[in-house]
Amino acid sequence: GMIIERIQANEGKKKMIYLGDGVGDFCPSLKLKEGDFMMPRKNFPVWNLICENRAILKAEIFEWIDGKELEQILIGLIEKIKIEEANNGVQSLSAVDCKFETIPIVAHEAFPPPLRL
């Protein structure tokens, strides 16, 4: 939850899409605001918690079952946000908004060798 609050403090009024499937994803979903989106994986622990406590979540909820459905919903939500932002005169998503990080291969050399059983 604290990480979501930090992101919200740094990003201002940008909409957030949060995906999760575990129990640990429930607390962050409570920090989402109206206009944000929560995407719990259906029939997984976070989905069950959200179903039991739906009234306390402010974000719009879109559950998904598999990777194909996840992709369709996510692309649809991104398009929805882009249209809303264009209608409100807000600059649309850019490559800067998408954070990608690669780990160089040499970084893996720092890991200890696996334990043999």
C-alpha atoms as a PDB file:
ATOM      1  CA  GLY A   1       0.000   0.000   0.000  1.00  0.00           C
ATOM      2  CA  MET A   2       2.838   2.416   0.792  1.00  0.00           C
ATOM      3  CA  ILE A   3       4.356   1.857  -2.643  1.00  0.00           C
ATOM      4  CA  ILE A   4       1.042   2.751  -4.314  1.00  0.00           C
ATOM      5  CA  GLU A   5       0.864   5.925  -2.207  1.00  0.00           C
ATOM      6  CA  ARG A   6       4.406   6.882  -3.255  1.00  0.00           C
ATOM      7  CA  ILE A   7       3.603   6.331  -6.920  1.00  0.00           C
ATOM      8  CA  GLN A   8       0.417   8.396  -6.580  1.00  0.00           C
ATOM      9  CA  ALA A   9       2.351  11.202  -4.869  1.00  0.00           C
ATOM     10  CA  ASN A  10       4.940  11.298  -7.674  1.00  0.00           C
ATOM     11  CA  GLU A  11       2.612  10.807 -10.641  1.00  0.00           C
ATOM     12  CA  GLY A  12      -0.145  13.224  -9.678  1.00  0.00           C
ATOM     13  CA  LYS A  13      -3.553  12.539 -11.189  1.00  0.00           C
ATOM     14  CA  LYS A  14      -2.511   9.802 -13.609  1.00  0.00           C
ATOM     15  CA  LYS A  15      -4.749   6.762 -13.664  1.00  0.00           C
ATOM     16  CA  MET A  16      -3.362   3.515 -12.374  1.00  0.00           C
ATOM     17  CA  ILE A  17      -4.019  -0.045 -13.528  1.00  0.00           C
ATOM     18  CA  TYR A  18      -3.047  -2.618 -10.898  1.00  0.00           C
ATOM     19  CA  LEU A  19      -2.841  -6.346 -11.676  1.00  0.00           C
ATOM     20  CA  GLY A  20      -2.638  -8.973  -8.979  1.00  0.00           C
ATOM     21  CA  ASP A  21      -3.501 -12.474  -7.890  1.00  0.00           C
ATOM     22  CA  GLY A  22      -2.147 -12.981  -4.362  1.00  0.00           C
ATOM     23  CA  VAL A  23      -3.301 -12.011  -0.887  1.00  0.00           C
ATOM     24  CA  GLY A  24      -0.545  -9.376  -0.807  1.00  0.00           C
ATOM     25  CA  ASP A  25      -2.233  -7.512  -3.656  1.00  0.00           C
ATOM     26  CA  PHE A  26      -5.347  -6.725  -1.612  1.00  0.00           C
ATOM     27  CA  CYS A  27      -3.854  -3.939   0.542  1.00  0.00           C
ATOM     28  CA  PRO A  28      -2.482  -2.036  -2.487  1.00  0.00           C
ATOM     29  CA  SER A  29      -5.868  -2.335  -4.202  1.00  0.00           C
ATOM     30  CA  LEU A  30      -7.420  -0.452  -1.270  1.00  0.00           C
ATOM     31  CA  LYS A  31      -5.127   2.508  -2.019  1.00  0.00           C
ATOM     32  CA  LEU A  32      -6.377   2.858  -5.589  1.00  0.00           C
ATOM     33  CA  LYS A  33      -8.586   5.868  -6.201  1.00  0.00           C
ATOM     34  CA  GLU A  34     -11.814   6.387  -8.083  1.00  0.00           C
ATOM     35  CA  GLY A  35     -10.898   6.353 -11.761  1.00  0.00           C
ATOM     36  CA  ASP A  36      -8.173   3.739 -11.233  1.00  0.00           C
ATOM     37  CA  PHE A  37      -8.531   0.101 -12.256  1.00  0.00           C
ATOM     38  CA  MET A  38      -7.930  -3.107 -10.325  1.00  0.00           C
ATOM     39  CA  MET A  39      -7.422  -6.283 -12.331  1.00  0.00           C
ATOM     40  CA  PRO A  40      -7.537  -9.312  -9.998  1.00  0.00           C
ATOM     41  CA  ARG A  41      -6.997 -12.782 -11.385  1.00  0.00           C
ATOM     42  CA  LYS A  42     -10.300 -14.629 -11.070  1.00  0.00           C
ATOM     43  CA  ASN A  43     -10.485 -17.502  -8.561  1.00  0.00           C
ATOM     44  CA  PHE A  44      -7.205 -16.474  -6.924  1.00  0.00           C
ATOM     45  CA  PRO A  45      -6.798 -15.134  -3.356  1.00  0.00           C
ATOM     46  CA  VAL A  46      -7.020 -11.411  -4.151  1.00  0.00           C
ATOM     47  CA  TRP A  47     -10.144 -11.961  -6.249  1.00  0.00           C
ATOM     48  CA  ASN A  48     -11.810 -13.772  -3.354  1.00  0.00           C
ATOM     49  CA  LEU A  49     -10.911 -10.942  -0.944  1.00  0.00           C
ATOM     50  CA  ILE A  50     -12.220  -8.321  -3.351  1.00  0.00           C
ATOM     51  CA  CYS A  51     -15.502 -10.229  -3.795  1.00  0.00           C
ATOM     52  CA  GLU A  52     -15.930 -10.316  -0.011  1.00  0.00           C
ATOM     53  CA  ASN A  53     -15.085  -6.604   0.386  1.00  0.00           C
ATOM     54  CA  ARG A  54     -16.158  -5.042  -2.919  1.00  0.00           C
ATOM     55  CA  ALA A  55     -17.818  -2.023  -1.278  1.00  0.00           C
ATOM     56  CA  ILE A  56     -14.555  -0.719   0.186  1.00  0.00           C
ATOM     57  CA  LEU A  57     -12.676  -0.569  -3.125  1.00  0.00           C
ATOM     58  CA  LYS A  58     -12.837   2.710  -5.022  1.00  0.00           C
ATOM     59  CA  ALA A  59     -11.219   1.450  -8.236  1.00  0.00           C
ATOM     60  CA  GLU A  60     -13.168  -0.122 -11.067  1.00  0.00           C
ATOM     61  CA  ILE A  61     -12.667  -3.899 -11.075  1.00  0.00           C
ATOM     62  CA  PHE A  62     -11.956  -6.067 -14.127  1.00  0.00           C
ATOM     63  CA  GLU A  63     -11.214  -9.711 -13.352  1.00  0.00           C
ATOM     64  CA  TRP A  64      -9.356 -11.963 -15.788  1.00  0.00           C
ATOM     65  CA  ILE A  65      -8.770 -15.699 -16.152  1.00  0.00           C
ATOM     66  CA  ASP A  66      -5.836 -16.193 -18.510  1.00  0.00           C
ATOM     67  CA  GLY A  67      -3.192 -14.294 -20.438  1.00  0.00           C
ATOM     68  CA  LYS A  68      -5.409 -13.771 -23.481  1.00  0.00           C
ATOM     69  CA  GLU A  69      -8.216 -12.238 -21.435  1.00  0.00           C
ATOM     70  CA  LEU A  70      -5.700 -10.173 -19.453  1.00  0.00           C
ATOM     71  CA  GLU A  71      -4.290  -8.774 -22.686  1.00  0.00           C
ATOM     72  CA  GLN A  72      -7.731  -7.902 -24.106  1.00  0.00           C
ATOM     73  CA  ILE A  73      -8.881  -6.136 -20.940  1.00  0.00           C
ATOM     74  CA  LEU A  74      -5.585  -4.313 -20.428  1.00  0.00           C
ATOM     75  CA  ILE A  75      -5.474  -3.029 -24.008  1.00  0.00           C
ATOM     76  CA  GLY A  76      -9.107  -1.947 -23.699  1.00  0.00           C
ATOM     77  CA  LEU A  77      -8.413  -0.037 -20.487  1.00  0.00           C
ATOM     78  CA  ILE A  78      -5.373   1.680 -21.960  1.00  0.00           C
ATOM     79  CA  GLU A  79      -7.440   2.750 -24.980  1.00  0.00           C
ATOM     80  CA  LYS A  80     -10.201   3.997 -22.656  1.00  0.00           C
ATOM     81  CA  ILE A  81      -7.689   6.083 -20.691  1.00  0.00           C
ATOM     82  CA  LYS A  82      -6.165   7.494 -23.881  1.00  0.00           C
ATOM     83  CA  ILE A  83      -9.600   8.538 -25.177  1.00  0.00           C
ATOM     84  CA  GLU A  84     -10.581  10.134 -21.855  1.00  0.00           C
ATOM     85  CA  GLU A  85      -7.287  12.019 -21.677  1.00  0.00           C
ATOM     86  CA  ALA A  86      -7.619  13.210 -25.270  1.00  0.00           C
ATOM     87  CA  ASN A  87     -11.142  14.469 -24.537  1.00  0.00           C
ATOM     88  CA  ASN A  88      -9.869  16.316 -21.464  1.00  0.00           C
ATOM     89  CA  GLY A  89      -6.907  17.856 -23.284  1.00  0.00           C
ATOM     90  CA  VAL A  90      -4.366  15.783 -21.380  1.00  0.00           C
ATOM     91  CA  GLN A  91      -1.276  14.572 -23.202  1.00  0.00           C
ATOM     92  CA  SER A  92      -1.676  10.877 -23.922  1.00  0.00           C
ATOM     93  CA  LEU A  93       0.542   8.061 -22.689  1.00  0.00           C
ATOM     94  CA  SER A  94       4.057   8.129 -23.989  1.00  0.00           C
ATOM     95  CA  ALA A  95       6.968   5.728 -23.951  1.00  0.00           C
ATOM     96  CA  VAL A  96       8.240   7.544 -20.856  1.00  0.00           C
ATOM     97  CA  ASP A  97       5.159   6.375 -18.918  1.00  0.00           C
ATOM     98  CA  CYS A  98       6.059   2.729 -19.555  1.00  0.00           C
ATOM     99  CA  LYS A  99       8.926   1.701 -17.340  1.00  0.00           C
ATOM    100  CA  PHE A 100      11.064  -1.151 -18.625  1.00  0.00           C
ATOM    101  CA  GLU A 101      14.230  -2.349 -16.985  1.00  0.00           C
ATOM    102  CA  THR A 102      16.668  -4.949 -18.194  1.00  0.00           C
ATOM    103  CA  ILE A 103      19.146  -6.830 -16.061  1.00  0.00           C
ATOM    104  CA  PRO A 104      22.545  -7.305 -17.638  1.00  0.00           C
ATOM    105  CA  ILE A 105      23.724 -10.901 -17.846  1.00  0.00           C
ATOM    106  CA  VAL A 106      26.770 -10.153 -15.673  1.00  0.00           C
ATOM    107  CA  ALA A 107      24.404  -9.286 -12.797  1.00  0.00           C
ATOM    108  CA  HIS A 108      23.401 -12.940 -12.604  1.00  0.00           C
ATOM    109  CA  GLU A 109      27.012 -13.931 -11.908  1.00  0.00           C
ATOM    110  CA  ALA A 110      26.653 -12.412  -8.421  1.00  0.00           C
ATOM    111  CA  PHE A 111      24.122 -15.046  -7.403  1.00  0.00           C
ATOM    112  CA  PRO A 112      25.483 -17.884  -5.251  1.00  0.00           C
ATOM    113  CA  PRO A 113      25.603 -21.333  -6.819  1.00  0.00           C
ATOM    114  CA  PRO A 114      22.487 -23.515  -6.336  1.00  0.00           C
ATOM    115  CA  LEU A 115      22.398 -25.945  -3.436  1.00  0.00           C
ATOM    116  CA  ARG A 116      22.570 -29.595  -4.427  1.00  0.00           C
ATOM    117  CA  LEU A 117      20.132 -31.924  -2.657  1.00  0.00           C
END
